[in-house]
Amino acid sequence: MRRKANLIAGAVCGALCVSSVLAYGAEVQNSFEKERAEVLERYGGEQVEVCVATEDIEVGDVLGSANTEKRLWLGELLPEDAVFSIEDMQSKPVSSPIYQGEVITERRFEKSEHVALQVPDGLCAVSVPAKSVSAVGGSVEAGSYVDMYAVSGAATDCIASGVLVLSTSSTEEQSKSDEDIAWVTLAVEPDLVKEVITAAQKSELYFVLPADDEVGANRAETDDERVKTDGEQVGADADRSEADSEQSESSVERSESGVDQSGSDGGETKTGAGHTEEKTTEDGEQ
């Protein structure tokens, strides 16, 4: 009997708890609707139905009745690219996170265009590991010109100066979350690629940001060396072309000499045939 009374008391308490929770939820909802109605009344304007996220939507998810619903919203406060119909975006995956209570916009479905890496002519792009502490506290970014040092034990060597940074792992989204830099992509001379990769494997690389005037001087020196190298290459190509021309002329002369020699051999053959004919005639007369 006592056990039955305890069960009844527990059931009553449970029902009271559930009703209290439901009543609290209804009160919160009513309070929200009341505040929203006050805002709409304060600002006025036309109200339209728009798609709103009922929960957080992750990248790659699609819209549906489980995570989206239509709500009345003040038209003047809506974004220009607000989504008014779930069916318009139902088959498209979300490209950036959508948070609960947010008006869904078309920009959340736009795919970011991948920009191809622009490598300057005559250079090669190579990526090496990096840390924020070795990349001037993470200040190294695309477009910077750095001096690169390799540190191994007690030895420190300068591998290259005035090297252009093409890209880094530090994107805008990562910088907002304070993530450290993890790699750096550099534009280096072709003959330095092997040395840079070897240094990255066997030692730790440090990237130094020189002053602007030093960067200009290093770039000018690098350009002069490149022009000098290109000039030497052009001269070597010219010498090679001249040698090929001389070789061609020599081949032509040898061909002409061969033709003359063939003519002489033909004349001698003809004379020998005449002598043979005369000799045959004399033998016949005898």
C-alpha atoms as a PDB file:
ATOM      1  CA  MET A   1       0.000   0.000   0.000  1.00  0.00           C
ATOM      2  CA  ARG A   2       2.781   2.356   0.959  1.00  0.00           C
ATOM      3  CA  ARG A   3       4.687   1.461  -2.230  1.00  0.00           C
ATOM      4  CA  LYS A   4       1.634   2.242  -4.329  1.00  0.00           C
ATOM      5  CA  ALA A   5       1.322   5.633  -2.640  1.00  0.00           C
ATOM      6  CA  ASN A   6       4.986   6.393  -3.382  1.00  0.00           C
ATOM      7  CA  LEU A   7       4.479   5.510  -7.041  1.00  0.00           C
ATOM      8  CA  ILE A   8       1.466   7.780  -7.271  1.00  0.00           C
ATOM      9  CA  ALA A   9       3.346  10.623  -5.579  1.00  0.00           C
ATOM     10  CA  GLY A  10       6.304  10.161  -7.975  1.00  0.00           C
ATOM     11  CA  ALA A  11       4.027  10.176 -11.006  1.00  0.00           C
ATOM     12  CA  VAL A  12       2.344  13.351  -9.782  1.00  0.00           C
ATOM     13  CA  CYS A  13       5.714  15.026  -9.234  1.00  0.00           C
ATOM     14  CA  GLY A  14       6.866  13.975 -12.686  1.00  0.00           C
ATOM     15  CA  ALA A  15       3.725  15.364 -14.271  1.00  0.00           C
ATOM     16  CA  LEU A  16       4.205  18.626 -12.374  1.00  0.00           C
ATOM     17  CA  CYS A  17       7.828  18.866 -13.613  1.00  0.00           C
ATOM     18  CA  VAL A  18       6.814  18.244 -17.207  1.00  0.00           C
ATOM     19  CA  SER A  19       4.012  20.768 -17.027  1.00  0.00           C
ATOM     20  CA  SER A  20       6.369  23.303 -15.450  1.00  0.00           C
ATOM     21  CA  VAL A  21       8.896  22.852 -18.261  1.00  0.00           C
ATOM     22  CA  LEU A  22       6.186  23.171 -20.890  1.00  0.00           C
ATOM     23  CA  ALA A  23       4.799  26.245 -19.193  1.00  0.00           C
ATOM     24  CA  TYR A  24       8.268  27.817 -19.037  1.00  0.00           C
ATOM     25  CA  GLY A  25       8.855  27.070 -22.734  1.00  0.00           C
ATOM     26  CA  ALA A  26       5.524  28.577 -23.656  1.00  0.00           C
ATOM     27  CA  GLU A  27       6.307  31.650 -21.581  1.00  0.00           C
ATOM     28  CA  VAL A  28       9.674  32.086 -23.294  1.00  0.00           C
ATOM     29  CA  GLN A  29       8.078  31.676 -26.708  1.00  0.00           C
ATOM     30  CA  ASN A  30       5.357  34.178 -25.839  1.00  0.00           C
ATOM     31  CA  SER A  31       7.972  36.623 -24.584  1.00  0.00           C
ATOM     32  CA  PHE A  32       9.950  36.253 -27.812  1.00  0.00           C
ATOM     33  CA  GLU A  33       6.864  36.751 -29.949  1.00  0.00           C
ATOM     34  CA  LYS A  34       5.872  39.773 -27.893  1.00  0.00           C
ATOM     35  CA  GLU A  35       9.297  41.402 -28.275  1.00  0.00           C
ATOM     36  CA  ARG A  36       9.290  40.649 -31.986  1.00  0.00           C
ATOM     37  CA  ALA A  37       5.827  42.149 -32.356  1.00  0.00           C
ATOM     38  CA  GLU A  38       7.012  45.274 -30.533  1.00  0.00           C
ATOM     39  CA  VAL A  39       9.998  45.593 -32.891  1.00  0.00           C
ATOM     40  CA  LEU A  40       7.763  45.165 -35.933  1.00  0.00           C
ATOM     41  CA  GLU A  41       5.315  47.700 -34.572  1.00  0.00           C
ATOM     42  CA  ARG A  42       8.127  50.122 -33.838  1.00  0.00           C
ATOM     43  CA  TYR A  43       9.722  49.935 -37.276  1.00  0.00           C
ATOM     44  CA  GLY A  44       6.592  49.223 -39.272  1.00  0.00           C
ATOM     45  CA  GLY A  45       6.837  48.192 -42.916  1.00  0.00           C
ATOM     46  CA  GLU A  46       5.709  45.185 -44.901  1.00  0.00           C
ATOM     47  CA  GLN A  47       6.175  41.723 -43.446  1.00  0.00           C
ATOM     48  CA  VAL A  48       7.202  38.841 -45.678  1.00  0.00           C
ATOM     49  CA  GLU A  49       7.868  35.159 -45.155  1.00  0.00           C
ATOM     50  CA  VAL A  50      11.529  34.242 -45.299  1.00  0.00           C
ATOM     51  CA  CYS A  51      13.546  31.074 -44.629  1.00  0.00           C
ATOM     52  CA  VAL A  52      15.184  30.974 -41.195  1.00  0.00           C
ATOM     53  CA  ALA A  53      17.473  28.298 -39.755  1.00  0.00           C
ATOM     54  CA  THR A  54      15.935  26.437 -36.817  1.00  0.00           C
ATOM     55  CA  GLU A  55      19.308  24.910 -35.871  1.00  0.00           C
ATOM     56  CA  ASP A  56      22.967  25.252 -36.722  1.00  0.00           C
ATOM     57  CA  ILE A  57      23.615  24.072 -40.291  1.00  0.00           C
ATOM     58  CA  GLU A  58      27.108  22.784 -41.066  1.00  0.00           C
ATOM     59  CA  VAL A  59      29.031  23.081 -44.324  1.00  0.00           C
ATOM     60  CA  GLY A  60      27.888  20.436 -46.804  1.00  0.00           C
ATOM     61  CA  ASP A  61      24.378  20.078 -45.354  1.00  0.00           C
ATOM     62  CA  VAL A  62      21.275  20.845 -47.414  1.00  0.00           C
ATOM     63  CA  LEU A  63      18.143  22.752 -46.429  1.00  0.00           C
ATOM     64  CA  GLY A  64      15.027  20.890 -45.375  1.00  0.00           C
ATOM     65  CA  SER A  65      12.060  20.973 -43.039  1.00  0.00           C
ATOM     66  CA  ALA A  66      14.272  19.571 -40.262  1.00  0.00           C
ATOM     67  CA  ASN A  67      16.586  22.601 -40.137  1.00  0.00           C
ATOM     68  CA  THR A  68      14.636  25.411 -41.809  1.00  0.00           C
ATOM     69  CA  GLU A  69      11.258  27.056 -41.483  1.00  0.00           C
ATOM     70  CA  LYS A  70       9.449  30.109 -42.833  1.00  0.00           C
ATOM     71  CA  ARG A  71       8.901  33.091 -40.550  1.00  0.00           C
ATOM     72  CA  LEU A  72       7.439  36.538 -40.944  1.00  0.00           C
ATOM     73  CA  TRP A  73      10.182  39.136 -41.162  1.00  0.00           C
ATOM     74  CA  LEU A  74      10.261  42.845 -41.702  1.00  0.00           C
ATOM     75  CA  GLY A  75      11.020  43.308 -45.397  1.00  0.00           C
ATOM     76  CA  GLU A  76      13.087  46.455 -44.892  1.00  0.00           C
ATOM     77  CA  LEU A  77      15.442  44.616 -42.528  1.00  0.00           C
ATOM     78  CA  LEU A  78      16.064  41.627 -44.784  1.00  0.00           C
ATOM     79  CA  PRO A  79      19.334  41.132 -46.704  1.00  0.00           C
ATOM     80  CA  GLU A  80      19.149  41.616 -50.460  1.00  0.00           C
ATOM     81  CA  ASP A  81      19.875  37.948 -51.187  1.00  0.00           C
ATOM     82  CA  ALA A  82      17.512  36.422 -48.621  1.00  0.00           C
ATOM     83  CA  VAL A  83      16.029  33.028 -49.524  1.00  0.00           C
ATOM     84  CA  PHE A  84      12.207  32.978 -49.614  1.00  0.00           C
ATOM     85  CA  SER A  85      11.676  29.378 -50.722  1.00  0.00           C
ATOM     86  CA  ILE A  86      13.388  26.251 -49.399  1.00  0.00           C
ATOM     87  CA  GLU A  87      12.850  24.512 -52.740  1.00  0.00           C
ATOM     88  CA  ASP A  88      15.126  27.031 -54.489  1.00  0.00           C
ATOM     89  CA  MET A  89      18.141  25.922 -52.429  1.00  0.00           C
ATOM     90  CA  GLN A  90      17.098  22.441 -51.335  1.00  0.00           C
ATOM     91  CA  SER A  91      19.512  20.550 -53.588  1.00  0.00           C
ATOM     92  CA  LYS A  92      22.483  22.867 -53.028  1.00  0.00           C
ATOM     93  CA  PRO A  93      24.971  22.122 -50.229  1.00  0.00           C
ATOM     94  CA  VAL A  94      25.817  24.893 -47.787  1.00  0.00           C
ATOM     95  CA  SER A  95      29.268  26.391 -48.394  1.00  0.00           C
ATOM     96  CA  SER A  96      29.572  28.296 -45.088  1.00  0.00           C
ATOM     97  CA  PRO A  97      28.025  27.695 -41.642  1.00  0.00           C
ATOM     98  CA  ILE A  98      24.499  28.953 -40.932  1.00  0.00           C
ATOM     99  CA  TYR A  99      23.567  29.566 -37.297  1.00  0.00           C
ATOM    100  CA  GLN A 100      20.259  29.044 -35.544  1.00  0.00           C
ATOM    101  CA  GLY A 101      17.841  31.961 -35.976  1.00  0.00           C
ATOM    102  CA  GLU A 102      19.773  33.364 -38.954  1.00  0.00           C
ATOM    103  CA  VAL A 103      17.959  34.464 -42.094  1.00  0.00           C
ATOM    104  CA  ILE A 104      19.250  32.198 -44.862  1.00  0.00           C
ATOM    105  CA  THR A 105      20.911  34.040 -47.733  1.00  0.00           C
ATOM    106  CA  GLU A 106      22.176  32.944 -51.135  1.00  0.00           C
ATOM    107  CA  ARG A 107      25.752  33.851 -50.267  1.00  0.00           C
ATOM    108  CA  ARG A 108      25.819  30.858 -47.897  1.00  0.00           C
ATOM    109  CA  PHE A 109      25.692  28.632 -50.962  1.00  0.00           C
ATOM    110  CA  GLU A 110      28.303  30.375 -53.099  1.00  0.00           C
ATOM    111  CA  LYS A 111      31.397  28.318 -53.788  1.00  0.00           C
ATOM    112  CA  SER A 112      34.651  30.151 -53.202  1.00  0.00           C
ATOM    113  CA  GLU A 113      36.590  30.470 -56.434  1.00  0.00           C
ATOM    114  CA  HIS A 114      40.023  28.917 -56.253  1.00  0.00           C
ATOM    115  CA  VAL A 115      42.597  31.387 -57.492  1.00  0.00           C
ATOM    116  CA  ALA A 116      45.428  29.696 -59.352  1.00  0.00           C
ATOM    117  CA  LEU A 117      48.890  30.353 -57.989  1.00  0.00           C
ATOM    118  CA  GLN A 118      50.669  32.955 -60.110  1.00  0.00           C
ATOM    119  CA  VAL A 119      54.327  31.975 -60.474  1.00  0.00           C
ATOM    120  CA  PRO A 120      56.625  34.625 -62.024  1.00  0.00           C
ATOM    121  CA  ASP A 121      58.391  33.701 -65.255  1.00  0.00           C
ATOM    122  CA  GLY A 122      61.685  31.909 -64.761  1.00  0.00           C
ATOM    123  CA  LEU A 123      60.924  30.905 -61.161  1.00  0.00           C
ATOM    124  CA  CYS A 124      59.549  27.805 -59.441  1.00  0.00           C
ATOM    125  CA  ALA A 125      56.988  27.548 -56.633  1.00  0.00           C
ATOM    126  CA  VAL A 126      58.065  25.431 -53.665  1.00  0.00           C
ATOM    127  CA  SER A 127      56.328  24.986 -50.296  1.00  0.00           C
ATOM    128  CA  VAL A 128      58.252  24.529 -47.067  1.00  0.00           C
ATOM    129  CA  PRO A 129      57.108  24.042 -43.458  1.00  0.00           C
ATOM    130  CA  ALA A 130      57.058  27.107 -41.228  1.00  0.00           C
ATOM    131  CA  LYS A 131      56.050  28.276 -37.776  1.00  0.00           C
ATOM    132  CA  SER A 132      54.777  31.614 -36.573  1.00  0.00           C
ATOM    133  CA  VAL A 133      57.901  32.119 -34.455  1.00  0.00           C
ATOM    134  CA  SER A 134      60.137  31.518 -37.492  1.00  0.00           C
ATOM    135  CA  ALA A 135      57.947  33.598 -39.821  1.00  0.00           C
ATOM    136  CA  VAL A 136      58.191  36.917 -37.953  1.00  0.00           C
ATOM    137  CA  GLY A 137      55.339  36.032 -35.626  1.00  0.00           C
ATOM    138  CA  GLY A 138      53.085  35.091 -38.534  1.00  0.00           C
ATOM    139  CA  SER A 139      53.546  38.464 -40.261  1.00  0.00           C
ATOM    140  CA  VAL A 140      54.851  36.828 -43.443  1.00  0.00           C
ATOM    141  CA  GLU A 141      52.060  36.884 -46.028  1.00  0.00           C
ATOM    142  CA  ALA A 142      51.565  36.592 -49.768  1.00  0.00           C
ATOM    143  CA  GLY A 143      53.418  39.357 -51.592  1.00  0.00           C
ATOM    144  CA  SER A 144      56.154  39.711 -48.971  1.00  0.00           C
ATOM    145  CA  TYR A 145      59.843  39.521 -49.875  1.00  0.00           C
ATOM    146  CA  VAL A 146      61.882  37.604 -47.313  1.00  0.00           C
ATOM    147  CA  ASP A 147      65.424  36.461 -46.648  1.00  0.00           C
ATOM    148  CA  MET A 148      65.573  32.735 -45.921  1.00  0.00           C
ATOM    149  CA  TYR A 149      67.973  31.220 -43.383  1.00  0.00           C
ATOM    150  CA  ALA A 150      68.621  27.566 -42.535  1.00  0.00           C
ATOM    151  CA  VAL A 151      69.507  26.809 -38.904  1.00  0.00           C
ATOM    152  CA  SER A 152      71.005  23.435 -37.965  1.00  0.00           C
ATOM    153  CA  GLY A 153      72.868  23.065 -34.695  1.00  0.00           C
ATOM    154  CA  ALA A 154      75.419  25.861 -34.359  1.00  0.00           C
ATOM    155  CA  ALA A 155      75.431  26.710 -38.088  1.00  0.00           C
ATOM    156  CA  THR A 156      73.205  29.358 -39.690  1.00  0.00           C
ATOM    157  CA  ASP A 157      73.331  29.881 -43.453  1.00  0.00           C
ATOM    158  CA  CYS A 158      71.509  32.330 -45.687  1.00  0.00           C
ATOM    159  CA  ILE A 159      69.982  30.318 -48.518  1.00  0.00           C
ATOM    160  CA  ALA A 160      68.419  33.156 -50.507  1.00  0.00           C
ATOM    161  CA  SER A 161      67.568  36.861 -50.248  1.00  0.00           C
ATOM    162  CA  GLY A 162      64.623  38.821 -51.572  1.00  0.00           C
ATOM    163  CA  VAL A 163      62.465  35.714 -52.093  1.00  0.00           C
ATOM    164  CA  LEU A 164      58.845  36.370 -53.069  1.00  0.00           C
ATOM    165  CA  VAL A 165      56.172  34.743 -50.894  1.00  0.00           C
ATOM    166  CA  LEU A 166      53.384  33.410 -53.123  1.00  0.00           C
ATOM    167  CA  SER A 167      51.077  31.999 -50.446  1.00  0.00           C
ATOM    168  CA  THR A 168      50.856  30.888 -46.815  1.00  0.00           C
ATOM    169  CA  SER A 169      48.586  28.661 -44.757  1.00  0.00           C
ATOM    170  CA  SER A 170      47.309  31.714 -42.889  1.00  0.00           C
ATOM    171  CA  THR A 171      43.966  32.550 -44.505  1.00  0.00           C
ATOM    172  CA  GLU A 172      41.451  35.163 -43.356  1.00  0.00           C
ATOM    173  CA  GLU A 173      39.328  32.568 -41.564  1.00  0.00           C
ATOM    174  CA  GLN A 174      42.374  31.067 -39.862  1.00  0.00           C
ATOM    175  CA  SER A 175      43.644  34.470 -38.749  1.00  0.00           C
ATOM    176  CA  LYS A 176      40.291  35.105 -37.094  1.00  0.00           C
ATOM    177  CA  SER A 177      40.679  31.915 -35.081  1.00  0.00           C
ATOM    178  CA  ASP A 178      44.313  32.750 -34.261  1.00  0.00           C
ATOM    179  CA  GLU A 179      45.718  29.608 -35.845  1.00  0.00           C
ATOM    180  CA  ASP A 180      49.476  29.464 -36.361  1.00  0.00           C
ATOM    181  CA  ILE A 181      51.084  29.509 -39.780  1.00  0.00           C
ATOM    182  CA  ALA A 182      52.013  26.002 -40.965  1.00  0.00           C
ATOM    183  CA  TRP A 183      53.611  26.389 -44.413  1.00  0.00           C
ATOM    184  CA  VAL A 184      54.922  28.994 -46.842  1.00  0.00           C
ATOM    185  CA  THR A 185      55.042  28.823 -50.637  1.00  0.00           C
ATOM    186  CA  LEU A 186      58.001  30.665 -52.179  1.00  0.00           C
ATOM    187  CA  ALA A 187      59.087  31.612 -55.696  1.00  0.00           C
ATOM    188  CA  VAL A 188      62.737  30.589 -56.062  1.00  0.00           C
ATOM    189  CA  GLU A 189      65.246  30.141 -58.855  1.00  0.00           C
ATOM    190  CA  PRO A 190      65.191  26.677 -60.461  1.00  0.00           C
ATOM    191  CA  ASP A 191      68.743  25.937 -59.333  1.00  0.00           C
ATOM    192  CA  LEU A 192      67.771  26.675 -55.700  1.00  0.00           C
ATOM    193  CA  VAL A 193      64.824  24.273 -55.500  1.00  0.00           C
ATOM    194  CA  LYS A 194      66.949  21.271 -54.491  1.00  0.00           C
ATOM    195  CA  GLU A 195      68.869  23.282 -51.915  1.00  0.00           C
ATOM    196  CA  VAL A 196      65.678  24.695 -50.362  1.00  0.00           C
ATOM    197  CA  ILE A 197      64.027  21.268 -50.105  1.00  0.00           C
ATOM    198  CA  THR A 198      67.156  19.725 -48.591  1.00  0.00           C
ATOM    199  CA  ALA A 199      67.418  22.554 -46.054  1.00  0.00           C
ATOM    200  CA  ALA A 200      63.737  22.142 -45.127  1.00  0.00           C
ATOM    201  CA  GLN A 201      64.306  18.432 -44.459  1.00  0.00           C
ATOM    202  CA  LYS A 202      67.574  18.687 -42.532  1.00  0.00           C
ATOM    203  CA  SER A 203      67.238  22.023 -40.706  1.00  0.00           C
ATOM    204  CA  GLU A 204      64.765  24.633 -39.519  1.00  0.00           C
ATOM    205  CA  LEU A 205      63.990  27.547 -41.812  1.00  0.00           C
ATOM    206  CA  TYR A 206      63.656  31.145 -40.628  1.00  0.00           C
ATOM    207  CA  PHE A 207      62.118  33.902 -42.731  1.00  0.00           C
ATOM    208  CA  VAL A 208      63.339  37.465 -42.205  1.00  0.00           C
ATOM    209  CA  LEU A 209      61.474  40.565 -43.361  1.00  0.00           C
ATOM    210  CA  PRO A 210      64.065  43.172 -44.412  1.00  0.00           C
ATOM    211  CA  ALA A 211      63.402  46.903 -44.738  1.00  0.00           C
ATOM    212  CA  ASP A 212      61.748  48.111 -47.944  1.00  0.00           C
ATOM    213  CA  ASP A 213      64.951  49.717 -49.288  1.00  0.00           C
ATOM    214  CA  GLU A 214      66.896  46.481 -48.735  1.00  0.00           C
ATOM    215  CA  VAL A 215      64.150  44.532 -50.469  1.00  0.00           C
ATOM    216  CA  GLY A 216      64.407  46.867 -53.467  1.00  0.00           C
ATOM    217  CA  ALA A 217      68.192  46.486 -53.566  1.00  0.00           C
ATOM    218  CA  ASN A 218      67.986  42.706 -53.349  1.00  0.00           C
ATOM    219  CA  ARG A 219      65.349  42.574 -56.068  1.00  0.00           C
ATOM    220  CA  ALA A 220      67.432  44.817 -58.334  1.00  0.00           C
ATOM    221  CA  GLU A 221      70.500  42.637 -57.771  1.00  0.00           C
ATOM    222  CA  THR A 222      68.492  39.497 -58.444  1.00  0.00           C
ATOM    223  CA  ASP A 223      67.059  40.994 -61.638  1.00  0.00           C
ATOM    224  CA  ASP A 224      70.565  41.995 -62.804  1.00  0.00           C
ATOM    225  CA  GLU A 225      71.853  38.483 -62.208  1.00  0.00           C
ATOM    226  CA  ARG A 226      68.875  37.046 -64.058  1.00  0.00           C
ATOM    227  CA  VAL A 227      69.418  39.414 -66.990  1.00  0.00           C
ATOM    228  CA  LYS A 228      73.112  38.505 -67.018  1.00  0.00           C
ATOM    229  CA  THR A 229      72.280  34.818 -66.973  1.00  0.00           C
ATOM    230  CA  ASP A 230      69.747  35.293 -69.755  1.00  0.00           C
ATOM    231  CA  GLY A 231      72.342  37.235 -71.782  1.00  0.00           C
ATOM    232  CA  GLU A 232      74.887  34.472 -71.341  1.00  0.00           C
ATOM    233  CA  GLN A 233      72.284  31.949 -72.386  1.00  0.00           C
ATOM    234  CA  VAL A 234      71.427  33.996 -75.467  1.00  0.00           C
ATOM    235  CA  GLY A 235      75.154  34.260 -76.335  1.00  0.00           C
ATOM    236  CA  ALA A 236      75.586  30.526 -75.921  1.00  0.00           C
ATOM    237  CA  ASP A 237      72.592  29.941 -78.169  1.00  0.00           C
ATOM    238  CA  ALA A 238      74.054  32.296 -80.777  1.00  0.00           C
ATOM    239  CA  ASP A 239      77.415  30.488 -80.661  1.00  0.00           C
ATOM    240  CA  ARG A 240      75.621  27.170 -80.987  1.00  0.00           C
ATOM    241  CA  SER A 241      73.658  28.445 -83.989  1.00  0.00           C
ATOM    242  CA  GLU A 242      76.867  29.737 -85.629  1.00  0.00           C
ATOM    243  CA  ALA A 243      78.574  26.390 -85.073  1.00  0.00           C
ATOM    244  CA  ASP A 244      75.583  24.618 -86.589  1.00  0.00           C
ATOM    245  CA  SER A 245      75.764  26.933 -89.617  1.00  0.00           C
ATOM    246  CA  GLU A 246      79.470  26.237 -90.091  1.00  0.00           C
ATOM    247  CA  GLN A 247      78.809  22.528 -89.791  1.00  0.00           C
ATOM    248  CA  SER A 248      76.085  22.790 -92.419  1.00  0.00           C
ATOM    249  CA  GLU A 249      78.399  24.681 -94.800  1.00  0.00           C
ATOM    250  CA  SER A 250      81.099  22.055 -94.259  1.00  0.00           C
ATOM    251  CA  SER A 251      78.585  19.341 -95.090  1.00  0.00           C
ATOM    252  CA  VAL A 252      77.597  21.165 -98.282  1.00  0.00           C
ATOM    253  CA  GLU A 253      81.257  21.518 -99.343  1.00  0.00           C
ATOM    254  CA  ARG A 254      81.831  17.812 -98.689  1.00  0.00           C
ATOM    255  CA  SER A 255      78.791  17.006-100.796  1.00  0.00           C
ATOM    256  CA  GLU A 256      80.051  19.169-103.704  1.00  0.00           C
ATOM    257  CA  SER A 257      83.507  17.577-103.440  1.00  0.00           C
ATOM    258  CA  GLY A 258      81.873  14.163-103.613  1.00  0.00           C
ATOM    259  CA  VAL A 259      79.978  15.180-106.762  1.00  0.00           C
ATOM    260  CA  ASP A 260      83.200  16.397-108.474  1.00  0.00           C
ATOM    261  CA  GLN A 261      84.987  13.213-107.566  1.00  0.00           C
ATOM    262  CA  SER A 262      82.128  11.180-109.014  1.00  0.00           C
ATOM    263  CA  GLY A 263      82.464  13.136-112.288  1.00  0.00           C
ATOM    264  CA  SER A 264      86.189  12.452-112.509  1.00  0.00           C
ATOM    265  CA  ASP A 265      85.639   8.778-111.848  1.00  0.00           C
ATOM    266  CA  GLY A 266      83.088   8.714-114.670  1.00  0.00           C
ATOM    267  CA  GLY A 267      85.551  10.303-117.121  1.00  0.00           C
ATOM    268  CA  GLU A 268      88.235   7.838-116.238  1.00  0.00           C
ATOM    269  CA  THR A 269      85.806   4.977-116.673  1.00  0.00           C
ATOM    270  CA  LYS A 270      84.809   6.273-120.096  1.00  0.00           C
ATOM    271  CA  THR A 271      88.493   6.562-121.218  1.00  0.00           C
ATOM    272  CA  GLY A 272      89.215   3.033-120.011  1.00  0.00           C
ATOM    273  CA  ALA A 273      86.273   1.764-122.036  1.00  0.00           C
ATOM    274  CA  GLY A 274      87.673   3.498-125.189  1.00  0.00           C
ATOM    275  CA  HIS A 275      91.067   1.888-124.797  1.00  0.00           C
ATOM    276  CA  THR A 276      89.436  -1.487-124.388  1.00  0.00           C
ATOM    277  CA  GLU A 277      87.417  -1.019-127.590  1.00  0.00           C
ATOM    278  CA  GLU A 278      90.519  -0.008-129.607  1.00  0.00           C
ATOM    279  CA  LYS A 279      92.417  -2.982-128.320  1.00  0.00           C
ATOM    280  CA  THR A 280      89.605  -5.311-129.358  1.00  0.00           C
ATOM    281  CA  THR A 281      89.572  -3.844-132.905  1.00  0.00           C
ATOM    282  CA  GLU A 282      93.308  -4.338-133.332  1.00  0.00           C
ATOM    283  CA  ASP A 283      93.035  -7.962-132.254  1.00  0.00           C
ATOM    284  CA  GLY A 284      90.319  -8.494-134.826  1.00  0.00           C
ATOM    285  CA  GLU A 285      92.402  -7.061-137.679  1.00  0.00           C
ATOM    286  CA  GLN A 286      95.302  -9.267-136.761  1.00  0.00           C
END
